[in-house]
C-alpha atoms as a PDB file:
ATOM      1  CA  MET A   1      -0.123   0.164   0.126  1.00  0.00           C
ATOM      2  CA  SER A   2       1.496   3.930  -0.885  1.00  0.00           C
ATOM      3  CA  GLY A   3       0.088   6.904  -0.966  1.00  0.00           C
ATOM      4  CA  SER A   4       0.654  10.760  -1.592  1.00  0.00           C
ATOM      5  CA  ARG A   5      -0.184  13.797  -1.840  1.00  0.00           C
ATOM      6  CA  GLU A   6       1.567  16.703  -3.818  1.00  0.00           C
ATOM      7  CA  TRP A   7       2.497  20.038  -1.939  1.00  0.00           C
ATOM      8  CA  PRO A   8       4.406  22.956  -3.387  1.00  0.00           C
ATOM      9  CA  GLY A   9       7.886  22.099  -3.423  1.00  0.00           C
ATOM     10  CA  SER A  10       7.979  20.075  -1.035  1.00  0.00           C
ATOM     11  CA  GLY A  11       7.671  16.370  -2.660  1.00  0.00           C
ATOM     12  CA  ARG A  12       5.554  13.244  -2.636  1.00  0.00           C
ATOM     13  CA  VAL A  13       3.980  12.687   1.162  1.00  0.00           C
ATOM     14  CA  THR A  14       4.257   8.614   1.413  1.00  0.00           C
ATOM     15  CA  LEU A  15       4.471   5.846   3.768  1.00  0.00           C
ATOM     16  CA  ASN A  16       7.848   6.325   4.788  1.00  0.00           C
ATOM     17  CA  ASP A  17       7.687   9.603   5.392  1.00  0.00           C
ATOM     18  CA  VAL A  18       4.999   9.380   7.664  1.00  0.00           C
ATOM     19  CA  ALA A  19       6.986   6.173   9.834  1.00  0.00           C
ATOM     20  CA  LYS A  20       9.798   8.704   9.614  1.00  0.00           C
ATOM     21  CA  GLN A  21       8.073  11.451  11.583  1.00  0.00           C
ATOM     22  CA  ALA A  22       6.341   9.487  14.060  1.00  0.00           C
ATOM     23  CA  GLU A  23       9.747   7.104  14.508  1.00  0.00           C
ATOM     24  CA  VAL A  24       8.142   3.967  13.566  1.00  0.00           C
ATOM     25  CA  SER A  25       8.274   1.296  10.742  1.00  0.00           C
ATOM     26  CA  ARG A  26       6.732   1.410   7.187  1.00  0.00           C
ATOM     27  CA  ALA A  27       5.049  -2.012   7.965  1.00  0.00           C
ATOM     28  CA  LEU A  28       3.773  -0.108  11.401  1.00  0.00           C
ATOM     29  CA  VAL A  29       2.347   2.303   9.125  1.00  0.00           C
ATOM     30  CA  SER A  30       0.874   0.347   6.758  1.00  0.00           C
ATOM     31  CA  ILE A  31      -0.927  -1.821   9.543  1.00  0.00           C
ATOM     32  CA  VAL A  32      -2.495   1.569  10.895  1.00  0.00           C
ATOM     33  CA  MET A  33      -3.772   3.229   7.630  1.00  0.00           C
ATOM     34  CA  ARG A  34      -5.125  -0.194   6.545  1.00  0.00           C
ATOM     35  CA  GLU A  35      -7.155  -0.615   9.783  1.00  0.00           C
ATOM     36  CA  ALA A  36      -5.400  -3.871  10.199  1.00  0.00           C
ATOM     37  CA  PRO A  37      -4.647  -5.226  14.119  1.00  0.00           C
ATOM     38  CA  GLY A  38      -0.901  -5.492  14.904  1.00  0.00           C
ATOM     39  CA  ALA A  39      -1.022  -1.791  16.416  1.00  0.00           C
ATOM     40  CA  SER A  40      -1.695  -0.550  20.288  1.00  0.00           C
ATOM     41  CA  ALA A  41      -4.468   2.198  20.481  1.00  0.00           C
ATOM     42  CA  ALA A  42      -1.810   4.899  21.379  1.00  0.00           C
ATOM     43  CA  THR A  43       0.006   3.883  18.174  1.00  0.00           C
ATOM     44  CA  ARG A  44      -2.620   4.081  16.001  1.00  0.00           C
ATOM     45  CA  GLU A  45      -3.703   7.706  17.313  1.00  0.00           C
ATOM     46  CA  ARG A  46       0.136   8.866  17.027  1.00  0.00           C
ATOM     47  CA  VAL A  47       0.252   7.514  12.947  1.00  0.00           C
ATOM     48  CA  LYS A  48      -2.896   8.868  12.060  1.00  0.00           C
ATOM     49  CA  ALA A  49      -1.550  12.340  13.632  1.00  0.00           C
ATOM     50  CA  VAL A  50       1.586  12.571  12.011  1.00  0.00           C
ATOM     51  CA  ALA A  51       0.170  11.172   8.809  1.00  0.00           C
ATOM     52  CA  ARG A  52      -2.803  14.026   8.911  1.00  0.00           C
ATOM     53  CA  GLN A  53       0.092  16.744   9.479  1.00  0.00           C
ATOM     54  CA  LEU A  54       1.708  15.821   6.908  1.00  0.00           C
ATOM     55  CA  GLY A  55      -1.228  15.599   4.578  1.00  0.00           C
ATOM     56  CA  TYR A  56      -0.593  11.670   3.716  1.00  0.00           C
ATOM     57  CA  ARG A  57      -3.956   9.954   2.221  1.00  0.00           C
ATOM     58  CA  PRO A  58      -3.811   5.856   1.090  1.00  0.00           C
ATOM     59  CA  ASP A  59      -3.578   5.329  -2.864  1.00  0.00           C
ATOM     60  CA  VAL A  60      -6.600   3.455  -3.611  1.00  0.00           C
ATOM     61  CA  ALA A  61      -5.770   2.751  -6.687  1.00  0.00           C
ATOM     62  CA  ALA A  62      -2.346   1.129  -5.572  1.00  0.00           C
ATOM     63  CA  ARG A  63      -4.361  -0.885  -2.908  1.00  0.00           C
ATOM     64  CA  SER A  64      -6.839  -1.731  -5.638  1.00  0.00           C
ATOM     65  CA  LEU A  65      -4.094  -3.183  -7.850  1.00  0.00           C
ATOM     66  CA  ALA A  66      -2.207  -5.094  -4.722  1.00  0.00           C
ATOM     67  CA  GLY A  67      -5.578  -6.668  -4.580  1.00  0.00           C
ATOM     68  CA  GLN A  68      -7.305  -5.770  -1.625  1.00  0.00           C
ATOM     69  CA  LYS A  69     -10.623  -4.206  -1.892  1.00  0.00           C
ATOM     70  CA  SER A  70     -10.091  -0.556  -3.285  1.00  0.00           C
ATOM     71  CA  ARG A  71     -13.160   1.160  -1.245  1.00  0.00           C
ATOM     72  CA  LEU A  72     -13.599   2.501  -4.715  1.00  0.00           C
ATOM     73  CA  ILE A  73     -17.661   2.811  -4.995  1.00  0.00           C
ATOM     74  CA  GLY A  74     -18.477   4.100  -8.605  1.00  0.00           C
ATOM     75  CA  VAL A  75     -21.405   6.430  -9.085  1.00  0.00           C
ATOM     76  CA  MET A  76     -23.540   7.037 -12.302  1.00  0.00           C
ATOM     77  CA  PHE A  77     -25.429  10.308 -12.723  1.00  0.00           C
ATOM     78  CA  GLY A  78     -27.295  11.974 -15.127  1.00  0.00           C
ATOM     79  CA  VAL A  79     -26.716  15.432 -16.387  1.00  0.00           C
ATOM     80  CA  GLY A  80     -29.032  18.009 -17.196  1.00  0.00           C
ATOM     81  CA  VAL A  81     -31.738  15.945 -15.306  1.00  0.00           C
ATOM     82  CA  GLY A  82     -32.724  18.114 -12.578  1.00  0.00           C
ATOM     83  CA  GLN A  83     -31.886  19.143  -8.726  1.00  0.00           C
ATOM     84  CA  PHE A  84     -32.876  16.163  -7.032  1.00  0.00           C
ATOM     85  CA  GLN A  85     -29.506  13.907  -8.257  1.00  0.00           C
ATOM     86  CA  PHE A  86     -27.202  17.199  -7.081  1.00  0.00           C
ATOM     87  CA  ASP A  87     -28.830  16.328  -3.639  1.00  0.00           C
ATOM     88  CA  LEU A  88     -28.820  12.848  -4.170  1.00  0.00           C
ATOM     89  CA  LEU A  89     -24.735  13.713  -4.826  1.00  0.00           C
ATOM     90  CA  GLU A  90     -23.873  15.692  -2.252  1.00  0.00           C
ATOM     91  CA  GLY A  91     -25.587  12.770   0.354  1.00  0.00           C
ATOM     92  CA  LEU A  92     -23.417   9.722  -1.083  1.00  0.00           C
ATOM     93  CA  TYR A  93     -20.054  11.878  -0.517  1.00  0.00           C
ATOM     94  CA  ALA A  94     -21.559  12.826   2.924  1.00  0.00           C
ATOM     95  CA  SER A  95     -22.365   9.064   3.890  1.00  0.00           C
ATOM     96  CA  ALA A  96     -19.107   7.899   1.970  1.00  0.00           C
ATOM     97  CA  GLU A  97     -17.155   9.974   3.866  1.00  0.00           C
ATOM     98  CA  GLN A  98     -18.411   8.245   7.063  1.00  0.00           C
ATOM     99  CA  GLN A  99     -17.824   4.680   5.772  1.00  0.00           C
ATOM    100  CA  ARG A 100     -14.200   5.747   4.654  1.00  0.00           C
ATOM    101  CA  LEU A 101     -15.293   5.091   0.709  1.00  0.00           C
ATOM    102  CA  VAL A 102     -14.369   7.083  -2.291  1.00  0.00           C
ATOM    103  CA  LEU A 103     -16.718   7.971  -5.082  1.00  0.00           C
ATOM    104  CA  ILE A 104     -15.290   7.748  -8.607  1.00  0.00           C
ATOM    105  CA  LEU A 105     -18.164   9.608 -10.688  1.00  0.00           C
ATOM    106  CA  SER A 106     -19.011   8.979 -14.345  1.00  0.00           C
ATOM    107  CA  ALA A 107     -21.553  11.381 -16.049  1.00  0.00           C
ATOM    108  CA  LEU A 108     -24.217  10.403 -18.748  1.00  0.00           C
ATOM    109  CA  THR A 109     -24.770  12.670 -21.286  1.00  0.00           C
ATOM    110  CA  THR A 110     -26.639  12.947 -24.811  1.00  0.00           C
ATOM    111  CA  GLY A 111     -23.676  11.215 -26.114  1.00  0.00           C
ATOM    112  CA  ARG A 112     -22.377   9.124 -23.396  1.00  0.00           C
ATOM    113  CA  GLY A 113     -24.614   6.236 -21.902  1.00  0.00           C
ATOM    114  CA  GLU A 114     -24.773   3.083 -19.750  1.00  0.00           C
ATOM    115  CA  ARG A 115     -22.276   1.808 -21.748  1.00  0.00           C
ATOM    116  CA  GLN A 116     -19.638   4.350 -22.111  1.00  0.00           C
ATOM    117  CA  ALA A 117     -20.193   5.144 -18.170  1.00  0.00           C
ATOM    118  CA  ALA A 118     -19.562   1.510 -16.966  1.00  0.00           C
ATOM    119  CA  GLU A 119     -16.228   1.207 -19.316  1.00  0.00           C
ATOM    120  CA  SER A 120     -14.547   4.165 -17.752  1.00  0.00           C
ATOM    121  CA  LEU A 121     -15.724   2.643 -14.277  1.00  0.00           C
ATOM    122  CA  GLN A 122     -14.067  -0.472 -14.605  1.00  0.00           C
ATOM    123  CA  ASP A 123     -10.415   1.234 -15.185  1.00  0.00           C
ATOM    124  CA  PHE A 124     -10.606   2.133 -11.484  1.00  0.00           C
ATOM    125  CA  ARG A 125     -11.258  -2.006 -10.344  1.00  0.00           C
ATOM    126  CA  PHE A 126     -13.765  -0.121  -8.239  1.00  0.00           C
ATOM    127  CA  ASP A 127     -15.556  -2.414  -5.206  1.00  0.00           C
ATOM    128  CA  ALA A 128     -19.312  -1.797  -6.226  1.00  0.00           C
ATOM    129  CA  LEU A 129     -21.896   0.565  -7.864  1.00  0.00           C
ATOM    130  CA  ILE A 130     -24.585   3.134  -7.209  1.00  0.00           C
ATOM    131  CA  MET A 131     -26.313   4.262  -9.772  1.00  0.00           C
ATOM    132  CA  LEU A 132     -28.381   7.465  -9.875  1.00  0.00           C
ATOM    133  CA  GLY A 133     -29.413   6.687 -13.893  1.00  0.00           C
ATOM    134  CA  PRO A 134     -29.778   5.803 -16.192  1.00  0.00           C
ATOM    135  CA  PRO A 135     -33.201   4.486 -15.184  1.00  0.00           C
ATOM    136  CA  THR A 136     -33.477   0.926 -16.464  1.00  0.00           C
ATOM    137  CA  PRO A 137     -35.027  -2.057 -15.656  1.00  0.00           C
ATOM    138  CA  LYS A 138     -31.740  -4.224 -16.353  1.00  0.00           C
ATOM    139  CA  PRO A 139     -28.262  -2.349 -15.511  1.00  0.00           C
ATOM    140  CA  LEU A 140     -25.881  -3.950 -17.496  1.00  0.00           C
ATOM    141  CA  LEU A 141     -23.724  -4.596 -14.498  1.00  0.00           C
ATOM    142  CA  ALA A 142     -26.260  -6.511 -13.105  1.00  0.00           C
ATOM    143  CA  GLY A 143     -24.792  -9.548 -10.992  1.00  0.00           C
ATOM    144  CA  LYS A 144     -21.276  -8.459 -12.118  1.00  0.00           C
ATOM    145  CA  VAL A 145     -20.533  -6.087  -9.078  1.00  0.00           C
ATOM    146  CA  PRO A 146     -22.993  -4.549  -6.140  1.00  0.00           C
ATOM    147  CA  ILE A 147     -25.150  -2.706  -7.417  1.00  0.00           C
ATOM    148  CA  VAL A 148     -28.029  -0.260  -5.531  1.00  0.00           C
ATOM    149  CA  VAL A 149     -30.331   1.954  -7.977  1.00  0.00           C
ATOM    150  CA  LEU A 150     -31.644   4.970  -6.460  1.00  0.00           C
ATOM    151  CA  GLY A 151     -34.845   5.856  -7.403  1.00  0.00           C
ATOM    152  CA  TRP A 152     -36.619   3.165  -9.281  1.00  0.00           C
ATOM    153  CA  GLN A 153     -37.785  -0.300  -9.468  1.00  0.00           C
ATOM    154  CA  VAL A 154     -35.228  -2.970 -10.827  1.00  0.00           C
ATOM    155  CA  ASP A 155     -37.192  -6.329 -10.027  1.00  0.00           C
ATOM    156  CA  ASP A 156     -33.151  -8.034 -10.416  1.00  0.00           C
ATOM    157  CA  PRO A 157     -32.488  -9.722  -7.257  1.00  0.00           C
ATOM    158  CA  ALA A 158     -28.733  -8.922  -7.824  1.00  0.00           C
ATOM    159  CA  VAL A 159     -29.814  -5.329  -7.588  1.00  0.00           C
ATOM    160  CA  ASP A 160     -30.332  -3.544  -4.544  1.00  0.00           C
ATOM    161  CA  VAL A 161     -33.196  -0.505  -4.739  1.00  0.00           C
ATOM    162  CA  VAL A 162     -33.593   2.412  -2.937  1.00  0.00           C
ATOM    163  CA  ARG A 163     -36.505   4.133  -3.773  1.00  0.00           C
ATOM    164  CA  THR A 164     -39.640   6.151  -2.871  1.00  0.00           C
ATOM    165  CA  SER A 165     -43.291   4.872  -3.417  1.00  0.00           C
ATOM    166  CA  ASP A 166     -44.136   6.941  -6.684  1.00  0.00           C
ATOM    167  CA  GLU A 167     -48.231   5.146  -6.167  1.00  0.00           C
ATOM    168  CA  HIS A 168     -48.052   6.870  -2.606  1.00  0.00           C
ATOM    169  CA  GLY A 169     -46.837  10.358  -3.427  1.00  0.00           C
ATOM    170  CA  MET A 170     -49.361  10.605  -6.614  1.00  0.00           C
ATOM    171  CA  ALA A 171     -52.317   9.478  -4.273  1.00  0.00           C
ATOM    172  CA  LEU A 172     -50.830  11.986  -1.893  1.00  0.00           C
ATOM    173  CA  ALA A 173     -50.799  14.749  -4.465  1.00  0.00           C
ATOM    174  CA  VAL A 174     -53.979  14.042  -5.828  1.00  0.00           C
ATOM    175  CA  ASP A 175     -55.938  13.687  -2.793  1.00  0.00           C
ATOM    176  CA  HIS A 176     -54.542  17.159  -1.523  1.00  0.00           C
ATOM    177  CA  LEU A 177     -56.390  19.052  -4.852  1.00  0.00           C
ATOM    178  CA  LEU A 178     -59.443  16.918  -4.476  1.00  0.00           C
ATOM    179  CA  ASP A 179     -59.664  18.421  -0.921  1.00  0.00           C
ATOM    180  CA  LEU A 180     -59.165  21.941  -2.152  1.00  0.00           C
ATOM    181  CA  GLY A 181     -62.545  21.029  -5.331  1.00  0.00           C
ATOM    182  CA  HIS A 182     -60.219  20.081  -7.834  1.00  0.00           C
ATOM    183  CA  ARG A 183     -61.296  17.651 -10.212  1.00  0.00           C
ATOM    184  CA  ARG A 184     -59.799  18.969 -13.710  1.00  0.00           C
ATOM    185  CA  ILE A 185     -55.794  17.733 -12.585  1.00  0.00           C
ATOM    186  CA  ALA A 186     -53.437  17.361 -15.142  1.00  0.00           C
ATOM    187  CA  HIS A 187     -49.977  15.599 -14.697  1.00  0.00           C
ATOM    188  CA  ILE A 188     -46.834  17.185 -16.755  1.00  0.00           C
ATOM    189  CA  ASP A 189     -44.692  13.658 -17.145  1.00  0.00           C
ATOM    190  CA  GLY A 190     -40.960  13.422 -17.236  1.00  0.00           C
ATOM    191  CA  GLY A 191     -40.724  11.713 -20.760  1.00  0.00           C
ATOM    192  CA  ASP A 192     -40.411   7.864 -21.499  1.00  0.00           C
ATOM    193  CA  SER A 193     -38.173   6.784 -18.422  1.00  0.00           C
ATOM    194  CA  VAL A 194     -38.720   4.141 -15.730  1.00  0.00           C
ATOM    195  CA  ILE A 195     -39.491   6.234 -13.192  1.00  0.00           C
ATOM    196  CA  ALA A 196     -41.626   8.625 -15.805  1.00  0.00           C
ATOM    197  CA  THR A 197     -43.446   5.203 -15.963  1.00  0.00           C
ATOM    198  CA  SER A 198     -43.788   4.852 -12.995  1.00  0.00           C
ATOM    199  CA  ARG A 199     -45.384   8.180 -11.293  1.00  0.00           C
ATOM    200  CA  ARG A 200     -47.803   8.840 -14.500  1.00  0.00           C
ATOM    201  CA  ASP A 201     -49.039   5.129 -13.590  1.00  0.00           C
ATOM    202  CA  GLY A 202     -49.729   6.384 -10.471  1.00  0.00           C
ATOM    203  CA  TYR A 203     -51.083   9.801 -10.829  1.00  0.00           C
ATOM    204  CA  ALA A 204     -53.711   7.449 -13.353  1.00  0.00           C
ATOM    205  CA  LYS A 205     -54.407   4.675 -10.656  1.00  0.00           C
ATOM    206  CA  ALA A 206     -54.827   7.786  -8.276  1.00  0.00           C
ATOM    207  CA  MET A 207     -57.383   9.248 -10.454  1.00  0.00           C
ATOM    208  CA  ARG A 208     -59.310   6.526 -11.316  1.00  0.00           C
ATOM    209  CA  ALA A 209     -59.224   5.357  -7.770  1.00  0.00           C
ATOM    210  CA  ARG A 210     -61.081   8.330  -7.267  1.00  0.00           C
ATOM    211  CA  GLY A 211     -63.666   8.777 -10.132  1.00  0.00           C
ATOM    212  CA  LEU A 212     -62.040  10.580 -12.092  1.00  0.00           C
ATOM    213  CA  ALA A 213     -60.634   8.348 -15.004  1.00  0.00           C
ATOM    214  CA  ALA A 214     -62.257  10.805 -17.427  1.00  0.00           C
ATOM    215  CA  GLU A 215     -60.242  13.485 -16.256  1.00  0.00           C
ATOM    216  CA  ILE A 216     -57.082  11.635 -16.755  1.00  0.00           C
ATOM    217  CA  ARG A 217     -54.835  14.096 -19.013  1.00  0.00           C
ATOM    218  CA  VAL A 218     -51.343  13.420 -19.345  1.00  0.00           C
ATOM    219  CA  ILE A 219     -48.883  16.966 -20.772  1.00  0.00           C
ATOM    220  CA  PRO A 220     -46.273  15.289 -22.569  1.00  0.00           C
ATOM    221  CA  GLY A 221     -42.983  16.727 -20.558  1.00  0.00           C
ATOM    222  CA  GLY A 222     -39.541  15.761 -19.593  1.00  0.00           C
ATOM    223  CA  GLN A 223     -37.137  15.711 -16.502  1.00  0.00           C
ATOM    224  CA  SER A 224     -35.654  19.411 -17.152  1.00  0.00           C
ATOM    225  CA  GLN A 225     -36.756  23.285 -17.053  1.00  0.00           C
ATOM    226  CA  LEU A 226     -37.029  23.961 -20.618  1.00  0.00           C
ATOM    227  CA  ASP A 227     -39.484  21.011 -20.486  1.00  0.00           C
ATOM    228  CA  GLY A 228     -41.227  22.442 -18.224  1.00  0.00           C
ATOM    229  CA  GLN A 229     -42.035  25.364 -20.553  1.00  0.00           C
ATOM    230  CA  ARG A 230     -42.673  23.313 -23.120  1.00  0.00           C
ATOM    231  CA  ALA A 231     -45.431  21.755 -21.176  1.00  0.00           C
ATOM    232  CA  ALA A 232     -46.945  25.228 -20.452  1.00  0.00           C
ATOM    233  CA  ARG A 233     -46.727  25.922 -23.865  1.00  0.00           C
ATOM    234  CA  ILE A 234     -48.786  22.403 -24.934  1.00  0.00           C
ATOM    235  CA  LEU A 235     -50.986  23.468 -22.228  1.00  0.00           C
ATOM    236  CA  MET A 236     -51.718  27.387 -23.480  1.00  0.00           C
ATOM    237  CA  ALA A 237     -51.908  26.232 -26.570  1.00  0.00           C
ATOM    238  CA  ASP A 238     -54.516  23.662 -25.961  1.00  0.00           C
ATOM    239  CA  GLY A 239     -56.899  26.662 -24.992  1.00  0.00           C
ATOM    240  CA  ASP A 240     -58.115  24.355 -21.974  1.00  0.00           C
ATOM    241  CA  LEU A 241     -56.522  24.698 -18.993  1.00  0.00           C
ATOM    242  CA  PRO A 242     -56.791  22.481 -16.221  1.00  0.00           C
ATOM    243  CA  THR A 243     -57.835  23.672 -12.863  1.00  0.00           C
ATOM    244  CA  ALA A 244     -54.519  21.583 -11.239  1.00  0.00           C
ATOM    245  CA  ILE A 245     -51.894  20.371 -12.225  1.00  0.00           C
ATOM    246  CA  VAL A 246     -49.120  17.841 -11.117  1.00  0.00           C
ATOM    247  CA  ALA A 247     -45.418  17.665 -12.810  1.00  0.00           C
ATOM    248  CA  TYR A 248     -42.672  15.195 -12.727  1.00  0.00           C
ATOM    249  CA  ASN A 249     -40.240  16.923 -10.833  1.00  0.00           C
ATOM    250  CA  ASP A 250     -39.946  20.633  -8.794  1.00  0.00           C
ATOM    251  CA  ASP A 251     -37.770  21.712 -12.240  1.00  0.00           C
ATOM    252  CA  THR A 252     -40.663  21.088 -14.267  1.00  0.00           C
ATOM    253  CA  ALA A 253     -43.124  22.793 -12.216  1.00  0.00           C
ATOM    254  CA  VAL A 254     -41.356  25.455 -11.343  1.00  0.00           C
ATOM    255  CA  ALA A 255     -40.216  26.455 -14.754  1.00  0.00           C
ATOM    256  CA  ALA A 256     -44.404  25.890 -15.789  1.00  0.00           C
ATOM    257  CA  MET A 257     -45.300  28.543 -13.260  1.00  0.00           C
ATOM    258  CA  GLY A 258     -43.474  31.122 -14.824  1.00  0.00           C
ATOM    259  CA  LEU A 259     -44.247  30.545 -18.158  1.00  0.00           C
ATOM    260  CA  LEU A 260     -47.972  30.833 -17.100  1.00  0.00           C
ATOM    261  CA  ALA A 261     -47.331  33.947 -15.497  1.00  0.00           C
ATOM    262  CA  GLN A 262     -45.814  35.001 -18.311  1.00  0.00           C
ATOM    263  CA  GLN A 263     -49.045  34.486 -19.765  1.00  0.00           C
ATOM    264  CA  GLY A 264     -50.869  36.346 -17.420  1.00  0.00           C
ATOM    265  CA  ILE A 265     -52.288  32.853 -15.646  1.00  0.00           C
ATOM    266  CA  ASP A 266     -51.821  33.338 -12.342  1.00  0.00           C
ATOM    267  CA  VAL A 267     -50.946  30.370  -9.521  1.00  0.00           C
ATOM    268  CA  PRO A 268     -52.586  29.832  -7.409  1.00  0.00           C
ATOM    269  CA  GLY A 269     -55.387  31.927  -8.418  1.00  0.00           C
ATOM    270  CA  HIS A 270     -55.915  30.203 -11.666  1.00  0.00           C
ATOM    271  CA  LEU A 271     -54.010  26.760 -11.846  1.00  0.00           C
ATOM    272  CA  SER A 272     -52.762  24.882  -8.584  1.00  0.00           C
ATOM    273  CA  ILE A 273     -49.178  23.452  -9.152  1.00  0.00           C
ATOM    274  CA  VAL A 274     -47.654  20.409  -7.207  1.00  0.00           C
ATOM    275  CA  GLY A 275     -44.053  19.578  -8.360  1.00  0.00           C
ATOM    276  CA  TRP A 276     -42.331  16.669  -6.859  1.00  0.00           C
ATOM    277  CA  ASP A 277     -38.861  15.789  -5.202  1.00  0.00           C
ATOM    278  CA  ASP A 278     -38.956  18.751  -2.379  1.00  0.00           C
ATOM    279  CA  SER A 279     -36.158  20.741  -3.599  1.00  0.00           C
ATOM    280  CA  GLU A 280     -34.422  23.717  -2.790  1.00  0.00           C
ATOM    281  CA  ALA A 281     -36.011  25.153  -6.203  1.00  0.00           C
ATOM    282  CA  ALA A 282     -39.724  24.107  -4.256  1.00  0.00           C
ATOM    283  CA  ALA A 283     -38.668  26.396  -1.621  1.00  0.00           C
ATOM    284  CA  LEU A 284     -37.225  29.096  -3.069  1.00  0.00           C
ATOM    285  CA  SER A 285     -40.066  29.602  -6.145  1.00  0.00           C
ATOM    286  CA  PRO A 286     -41.428  33.332  -6.477  1.00  0.00           C
ATOM    287  CA  VAL A 287     -44.669  31.123  -5.458  1.00  0.00           C
ATOM    288  CA  GLY A 288     -43.606  28.298  -2.850  1.00  0.00           C
ATOM    289  CA  LEU A 289     -43.973  25.396  -4.455  1.00  0.00           C
ATOM    290  CA  THR A 290     -46.254  22.765  -3.228  1.00  0.00           C
ATOM    291  CA  SER A 291     -44.251  19.131  -4.012  1.00  0.00           C
ATOM    292  CA  VAL A 292     -43.941  15.772  -3.004  1.00  0.00           C
ATOM    293  CA  ALA A 293     -41.053  15.604  -0.387  1.00  0.00           C
ATOM    294  CA  GLN A 294     -38.423  12.593  -0.604  1.00  0.00           C
ATOM    295  CA  GLN A 295     -35.408  12.537   1.603  1.00  0.00           C
ATOM    296  CA  PRO A 296     -31.914  12.532  -0.572  1.00  0.00           C
ATOM    297  CA  ALA A 297     -29.811  12.353   2.461  1.00  0.00           C
ATOM    298  CA  GLU A 298     -31.691   9.236   4.000  1.00  0.00           C
ATOM    299  CA  MET A 299     -31.615   7.768   0.578  1.00  0.00           C
ATOM    300  CA  SER A 300     -27.932   8.304   0.249  1.00  0.00           C
ATOM    301  CA  ARG A 301     -27.251   6.607   3.387  1.00  0.00           C
ATOM    302  CA  LEU A 302     -29.187   3.708   2.945  1.00  0.00           C
ATOM    303  CA  ALA A 303     -27.956   3.071  -0.393  1.00  0.00           C
ATOM    304  CA  VAL A 304     -24.301   3.508   0.942  1.00  0.00           C
ATOM    305  CA  GLU A 305     -24.975   0.830   4.011  1.00  0.00           C
ATOM    306  CA  ARG A 306     -26.457  -1.443   1.535  1.00  0.00           C
ATOM    307  CA  ILE A 307     -23.210  -1.670  -0.632  1.00  0.00           C
ATOM    308  CA  VAL A 308     -21.169  -1.882   2.237  1.00  0.00           C
ATOM    309  CA  ALA A 309     -23.448  -5.069   3.567  1.00  0.00           C
ATOM    310  CA  ARG A 310     -23.268  -6.030   0.110  1.00  0.00           C
ATOM    311  CA  ILE A 311     -18.935  -5.512  -0.339  1.00  0.00           C
ATOM    312  CA  GLN A 312     -18.936  -7.383   3.296  1.00  0.00           C
ATOM    313  CA  GLN A 313     -20.866  -9.859   2.047  1.00  0.00           C
ATOM    314  CA  ARG A 314     -23.385  -9.778   4.421  1.00  0.00           C
ATOM    315  CA  ARG A 315     -27.087 -11.226   4.791  1.00  0.00           C
ATOM    316  CA  VAL A 316     -29.876  -8.274   3.998  1.00  0.00           C
ATOM    317  CA  GLU A 317     -33.200  -8.387   4.186  1.00  0.00           C
ATOM    318  CA  GLY A 318     -35.157  -7.961   1.076  1.00  0.00           C
ATOM    319  CA  HIS A 319     -33.343  -6.056  -1.999  1.00  0.00           C
ATOM    320  CA  GLN A 320     -36.026  -3.371  -1.846  1.00  0.00           C
ATOM    321  CA  ILE A 321     -35.791  -0.538   0.435  1.00  0.00           C
ATOM    322  CA  VAL A 322     -39.091   1.838  -0.197  1.00  0.00           C
ATOM    323  CA  LEU A 323     -39.211   4.980   1.321  1.00  0.00           C
ATOM    324  CA  GLU A 324     -43.124   7.043   2.241  1.00  0.00           C
ATOM    325  CA  PRO A 325     -43.038  10.478   0.886  1.00  0.00           C
ATOM    326  CA  GLU A 326     -44.454  12.964   2.264  1.00  0.00           C
ATOM    327  CA  LEU A 327     -46.592  15.969   0.647  1.00  0.00           C
ATOM    328  CA  ILE A 328     -45.204  19.622   2.092  1.00  0.00           C
ATOM    329  CA  VAL A 329     -48.379  22.217   1.460  1.00  0.00           C
ATOM    330  CA  ARG A 330     -46.536  26.002   0.375  1.00  0.00           C
ATOM    331  CA  SER A 331     -48.902  28.981  -1.689  1.00  0.00           C
ATOM    332  CA  SER A 332     -49.105  27.043  -5.186  1.00  0.00           C
ATOM    333  CA  THR A 333     -52.020  25.522  -4.462  1.00  0.00           C
ATOM    334  CA  THR A 334     -55.046  26.582  -3.452  1.00  0.00           C
ATOM    335  CA  LYS A 335     -59.055  26.105  -3.790  1.00  0.00           C
ATOM    336  CA  VAL A 336     -60.450  25.465  -6.833  1.00  0.00           C
ATOM    337  CA  ARG A 337     -61.790  28.930  -8.280  1.00  0.00           C
ATOM    338  CA  SER A 338     -65.809  29.123  -9.017  1.00  0.00           C
ATOM    339  CA  ALA A 339     -67.215  29.329 -11.685  1.00  0.00           C
END
């Protein structure tokens, strides 16, 4: 095992540097850095203090080449798919640091799909993979490395899942709007992804269960603010506005609100809107956005815990963890306007 850190004018900090400063052997420093048995508590503390002082950091790539667990966790995430994924990333970094894991990110773009993202991660000899995207029912690396997906359902028992119940979230949103007197409730969907399909199905199921099958109306949307603006333009062009909307996420909801306001459509006076995720965008919107709240920090913590359990080959109960959402009510929803 070796490690290094570049300091201006000072060369590279190695195990030998730590050993010399701490006045112990290189082998003993290696034991301490690997958390292996063979060193007293006092020695461990002294060596770690010297390592911190010198700025030493373990070289995880070298450890992997030596056949040890690298403690590298790959993370696939999408670019331009909304604030919520960045909230998840922030949670993953915090949880990984607590577990002494290192995250290696690989982005998904329009021209860079799952296969390219997986191939770039494999160069790092990572121990496991956390997927924020692409939301696919069959990840390419399923069964090859431990995988946790965040946000959608995968039926393969080789893939662990941490997600929020889309069905329950849509039921909360529709019930809230019904309580306010709305019946003409539309849904701006999230496109053709697995998560978008789940939320679209949840919306339709909630409407049918409440006797509103004839009012089901799905507006083509997507995941970004541009998609929310396009959906609002479709609504305006139809000339038949609903009295309420449940959007795929907060980004599309806020963008739709902005465009509608430009056209003189008051939210919530003329039209109530519910978002999804309860991201920072919901709270900071000019009109506070009612939103179905997920728990990105908790989802990230559970994902990292499950990854650690899989790496350590510990027995776990089931492969899906489903969290229940909460509706955060703000000023973007109000009672339906009288005719």
